[in-house]
Amino acid sequence: IVGKTVGLEPALVRVAEVAPPMGTKPLPGHDTLLAATIESSAKFRIEVPQVPPTLFKGAMSRLAVVTDRDAETAKPCAVRFSLLTTEPARPNDPKDPKKGNKPQIRAQANAAIGRGEERGAVGIVVPLDVQVTEIDAVLKAELVPHAYSDRVLGTVYSVPLKFAVKPAASVKLDPNSLTLKAGQMNAVRGTLERTAGFDRPVKVSLAGLPQGYQATPTTVPAGNGEFVLQVTT
């Protein structure tokens, strides 16, 4: 709380205090005592019991979270999460800062644990084109009336977290299947190689084909590696 005089140059500025410093008295005519007490922040904390060792580019990872709240905050409040990282900003156009920055590794928008809940998961979004190979991060938790509220009642942070960042998978095409015959269906074969720890279905498609060409996307199920793309010239 700051008080500033009006109509006096230079203006006098006084900052209200909980109590005057030891051995001093307020200036005559000024009261520096607040009619309130300052409490500690909201009584809650968060834990991340298990950190995924790797974040995969182009995929969403799940971060399990456990909250520890007293009854006064658990019942009426939700806990909303965001992620703070050491990933440097990547401008869309280094020559024009007005064009903003590319998306970064972040928590899923409005990720939250509802009222009265103790456990949940936070989705971590990893853009496909990130450049970092590892990041340090902390999970920020805000005590709010609901997940979309702009009223923050308290804030805590997790212990520091460290993630490796790797491509989820790579694709190798069979060169013998890349010779296409005109006017018919062609089978382009390939192999999907997943990075250790990543075992989810992957959609494979061909992009940038000339006009008149068509390729049907295919999904490689978890546990499988080989695929075939049907291409019509």
Protein backbone atom coordinates (compact mmCIF):
# COMPACT_ATOMS: atom_id res chain seq x y z
CA ILE A 1 0.00 0.00 0.00
CA VAL A 2 1.58 3.24 -1.17
CA GLY A 3 0.42 6.78 -0.30
CA LYS A 4 1.38 9.72 -2.54
CA THR A 5 0.69 13.42 -1.93
CA VAL A 6 -1.40 15.43 -4.41
CA GLY A 7 -0.62 19.06 -5.25
CA LEU A 8 2.89 19.04 -3.82
CA GLU A 9 6.04 19.13 -5.92
CA PRO A 10 8.04 17.05 -5.50
CA ALA A 11 5.46 14.56 -4.25
CA LEU A 12 5.97 12.69 -1.00
CA VAL A 13 5.63 8.91 -1.17
CA ARG A 14 5.14 6.70 1.85
CA VAL A 15 4.92 2.89 1.94
CA ALA A 16 2.70 1.36 4.60
CA GLU A 17 4.38 -1.14 6.90
CA VAL A 18 3.16 -3.89 9.16
CA ALA A 19 4.97 -2.09 11.98
CA PRO A 20 7.56 0.70 12.16
CA PRO A 21 11.18 -0.46 12.02
CA MET A 22 12.63 -1.25 15.42
CA GLY A 23 13.57 1.92 17.34
CA THR A 24 11.80 4.34 14.98
CA LYS A 25 8.53 6.22 15.06
CA PRO A 26 6.19 7.17 12.21
CA LEU A 27 6.58 10.66 10.77
CA PRO A 28 4.28 13.17 12.46
CA GLY A 29 0.92 13.08 10.72
CA HIS A 30 1.64 9.76 8.99
CA ASP A 31 0.35 6.41 10.18
CA THR A 32 2.44 3.46 9.01
CA LEU A 33 0.43 0.79 10.82
CA LEU A 34 -1.78 -1.47 8.73
CA ALA A 35 -5.13 -2.55 10.13
CA ALA A 36 -4.45 -6.11 8.98
CA THR A 37 -2.07 -9.00 9.55
CA ILE A 38 0.00 -10.82 6.96
CA GLU A 39 -0.36 -14.58 6.93
CA SER A 40 1.77 -17.16 5.17
CA SER A 41 0.73 -18.22 1.68
CA ALA A 42 -2.09 -20.72 1.18
CA LYS A 43 -1.37 -23.96 3.00
CA PHE A 44 -0.77 -26.34 0.15
CA ARG A 45 2.09 -27.93 -1.76
CA ILE A 46 2.57 -30.19 -4.76
CA GLU A 47 4.69 -33.24 -5.51
CA VAL A 48 5.69 -34.89 -8.78
CA PRO A 49 6.16 -38.54 -7.73
CA GLN A 50 7.66 -39.70 -11.02
CA VAL A 51 9.24 -37.62 -13.77
CA PRO A 52 9.18 -39.05 -17.32
CA PRO A 53 12.85 -39.29 -18.34
CA THR A 54 12.13 -38.13 -21.88
CA LEU A 55 9.77 -35.70 -23.58
CA PHE A 56 9.05 -36.71 -27.17
CA LYS A 57 8.82 -34.13 -29.94
CA GLY A 58 5.36 -33.86 -31.45
CA ALA A 59 3.75 -35.86 -28.64
CA MET A 60 2.07 -35.04 -25.34
CA SER A 61 3.53 -36.46 -22.15
CA ARG A 62 1.68 -36.89 -18.86
CA LEU A 63 3.09 -35.63 -15.59
CA ALA A 64 1.45 -37.14 -12.50
CA VAL A 65 0.88 -34.61 -9.70
CA VAL A 66 -0.11 -35.04 -6.06
CA THR A 67 -1.41 -32.08 -4.02
CA ASP A 68 -1.30 -31.69 -0.26
CA ARG A 69 -3.95 -29.19 0.86
CA ASP A 70 -5.71 -28.49 4.12
CA ALA A 71 -9.48 -28.82 4.33
CA GLU A 72 -10.00 -25.07 4.06
CA THR A 73 -8.47 -24.90 0.56
CA ALA A 74 -9.22 -28.38 -0.79
CA LYS A 75 -13.01 -28.10 -0.77
CA PRO A 76 -13.65 -24.68 -2.36
CA CYS A 77 -10.60 -24.38 -4.65
CA ALA A 78 -9.04 -25.98 -7.70
CA VAL A 79 -5.32 -26.12 -8.50
CA ARG A 80 -4.24 -24.86 -11.93
CA PHE A 81 -0.85 -25.73 -13.43
CA SER A 82 1.65 -24.17 -15.79
CA LEU A 83 5.24 -25.04 -16.68
CA LEU A 84 8.26 -22.74 -16.42
CA THR A 85 11.30 -23.93 -18.40
CA THR A 86 14.79 -22.89 -19.45
CA GLU A 87 13.91 -23.28 -23.15
CA PRO A 88 15.05 -20.12 -24.98
CA ALA A 89 12.54 -18.19 -27.07
CA ARG A 90 12.63 -18.90 -30.83
CA PRO A 91 11.44 -15.96 -32.93
CA ASN A 92 9.34 -16.66 -36.01
CA ASP A 93 11.43 -14.08 -37.83
CA PRO A 94 14.75 -13.10 -36.20
CA LYS A 95 14.68 -9.85 -38.17
CA ASP A 96 11.17 -8.87 -37.08
CA PRO A 97 10.36 -9.28 -33.34
CA LYS A 98 6.78 -8.17 -34.00
CA LYS A 99 6.06 -11.56 -35.58
CA GLY A 100 6.34 -13.20 -32.17
CA ASN A 101 7.87 -16.49 -31.11
CA LYS A 102 7.35 -20.11 -32.04
CA PRO A 103 5.45 -22.38 -29.63
CA GLN A 104 7.49 -23.76 -26.74
CA ILE A 105 7.30 -26.76 -24.44
CA ARG A 106 4.41 -25.98 -22.10
CA ALA A 107 1.69 -27.39 -19.90
CA GLN A 108 -1.65 -28.07 -21.55
CA ALA A 109 -3.89 -25.01 -21.38
CA ASN A 110 -5.92 -24.75 -18.15
CA ALA A 111 -4.59 -28.03 -16.78
CA ALA A 112 -6.06 -28.35 -13.30
CA ILE A 113 -7.05 -30.61 -10.43
CA GLY A 114 -10.65 -30.03 -9.39
CA ARG A 115 -12.10 -29.10 -6.03
CA GLY A 116 -11.55 -31.72 -3.38
CA GLU A 117 -9.25 -33.81 -5.61
CA GLU A 118 -5.74 -34.72 -4.50
CA ARG A 119 -4.27 -36.39 -7.58
CA GLY A 120 -4.21 -35.61 -11.27
CA ALA A 121 -2.06 -35.40 -14.38
CA VAL A 122 -0.73 -32.44 -16.32
CA GLY A 123 -0.32 -32.78 -20.08
CA ILE A 124 3.05 -31.49 -21.32
CA VAL A 125 2.85 -30.31 -24.95
CA VAL A 126 6.08 -30.64 -26.97
CA PRO A 127 6.11 -28.98 -30.43
CA LEU A 128 7.55 -31.08 -33.24
CA ASP A 129 10.21 -28.51 -34.17
CA VAL A 130 11.76 -27.73 -30.76
CA GLN A 131 15.55 -27.38 -30.88
CA VAL A 132 16.60 -28.15 -27.30
CA THR A 133 17.79 -31.62 -26.34
CA GLU A 134 17.17 -31.15 -22.61
CA ILE A 135 15.48 -28.60 -20.36
CA ASP A 136 15.16 -27.75 -16.69
CA ALA A 137 11.68 -26.88 -15.49
CA VAL A 138 9.44 -26.32 -12.50
CA LEU A 139 5.72 -26.93 -12.29
CA LYS A 140 3.81 -23.88 -11.08
CA ALA A 141 0.57 -24.47 -9.16
CA GLU A 142 -2.01 -21.78 -8.52
CA LEU A 143 -4.85 -22.07 -6.05
CA VAL A 144 -7.93 -20.74 -7.90
CA PRO A 145 -11.75 -20.83 -7.52
CA HIS A 146 -11.93 -22.72 -10.84
CA ALA A 147 -9.61 -23.60 -13.74
CA TYR A 148 -10.48 -20.48 -15.81
CA SER A 149 -10.45 -17.93 -13.00
CA ASP A 150 -8.18 -14.87 -13.09
CA ARG A 151 -8.26 -14.74 -9.28
CA VAL A 152 -5.20 -16.45 -7.79
CA LEU A 153 -5.39 -17.21 -4.07
CA GLY A 154 -1.92 -18.70 -3.68
CA THR A 155 1.04 -20.02 -5.68
CA VAL A 156 3.56 -22.80 -5.04
CA TYR A 157 6.19 -24.53 -7.16
CA SER A 158 7.46 -28.08 -7.53
CA VAL A 159 11.04 -29.11 -6.97
CA PRO A 160 13.22 -28.57 -10.09
CA LEU A 161 12.63 -31.08 -12.88
CA LYS A 162 14.96 -32.13 -15.70
CA PHE A 163 13.82 -33.60 -19.02
CA ALA A 164 15.61 -34.99 -22.05
CA VAL A 165 13.91 -33.99 -25.33
CA LYS A 166 14.08 -36.45 -28.23
CA PRO A 167 12.28 -37.22 -31.49
CA ALA A 168 9.52 -39.75 -30.92
CA ALA A 169 10.32 -41.75 -34.03
CA SER A 170 12.04 -41.71 -37.40
CA VAL A 171 10.91 -43.05 -40.77
CA LYS A 172 12.90 -45.01 -43.33
CA LEU A 173 11.47 -45.70 -46.77
CA ASP A 174 12.30 -48.72 -48.90
CA PRO A 175 14.09 -47.23 -51.94
CA ASN A 176 12.93 -50.13 -54.10
CA SER A 177 9.31 -49.03 -53.62
CA LEU A 178 9.84 -45.40 -54.66
CA THR A 179 9.61 -46.00 -58.41
CA LEU A 180 5.98 -45.17 -59.19
CA LYS A 181 4.10 -46.44 -62.22
CA ALA A 182 1.70 -44.04 -63.89
CA GLY A 183 -2.05 -44.50 -63.69
CA GLN A 184 -2.15 -47.19 -61.05
CA MET A 185 -1.91 -47.83 -57.34
CA ASN A 186 1.64 -48.04 -55.99
CA ALA A 187 2.72 -49.45 -52.63
CA VAL A 188 5.38 -47.34 -50.91
CA ARG A 189 6.86 -49.34 -48.06
CA GLY A 190 8.70 -48.12 -45.02
CA THR A 191 9.73 -48.75 -41.45
CA LEU A 192 8.95 -46.67 -38.39
CA GLU A 193 11.71 -46.71 -35.77
CA ARG A 194 10.52 -45.56 -32.35
CA THR A 195 12.80 -43.99 -29.76
CA ALA A 196 13.19 -46.10 -26.61
CA GLY A 197 10.34 -45.33 -24.25
CA PHE A 198 7.91 -44.27 -26.98
CA ASP A 199 5.34 -46.89 -27.99
CA ARG A 200 2.24 -45.16 -29.28
CA PRO A 201 0.37 -45.33 -32.59
CA VAL A 202 1.86 -43.05 -35.25
CA LYS A 203 0.08 -41.63 -38.28
CA VAL A 204 2.26 -41.65 -41.42
CA SER A 205 1.44 -39.62 -44.53
CA LEU A 206 3.11 -38.17 -47.63
CA ALA A 207 3.18 -34.39 -47.99
CA GLY A 208 4.03 -32.15 -50.93
CA LEU A 209 2.89 -34.51 -53.69
CA PRO A 210 2.41 -32.99 -57.19
CA GLN A 211 -1.12 -32.20 -58.33
CA GLY A 212 -2.97 -35.33 -59.43
CA TYR A 213 -1.14 -37.63 -57.03
CA GLN A 214 -2.94 -39.10 -54.05
CA ALA A 215 -1.59 -40.93 -51.02
CA THR A 216 -3.73 -42.53 -48.33
CA PRO A 217 -2.35 -41.93 -44.79
CA THR A 218 -1.88 -44.96 -42.59
CA THR A 219 -1.57 -45.50 -38.85
CA VAL A 220 1.23 -47.69 -37.49
CA PRO A 221 -0.15 -49.38 -34.34
CA ALA A 222 1.80 -49.50 -31.11
CA GLY A 223 4.30 -52.35 -31.21
CA ASN A 224 4.47 -52.39 -35.02
CA GLY A 225 7.10 -50.83 -37.25
CA GLU A 226 6.38 -51.67 -40.89
CA PHE A 227 3.82 -49.77 -42.96
CA VAL A 228 2.58 -49.37 -46.52
CA LEU A 229 1.34 -46.16 -48.17
CA GLN A 230 -0.94 -46.52 -51.17
CA VAL A 231 0.00 -43.87 -53.77
CA THR A 232 -1.96 -43.20 -56.97
CA THR A 233 -0.21 -41.26 -59.73
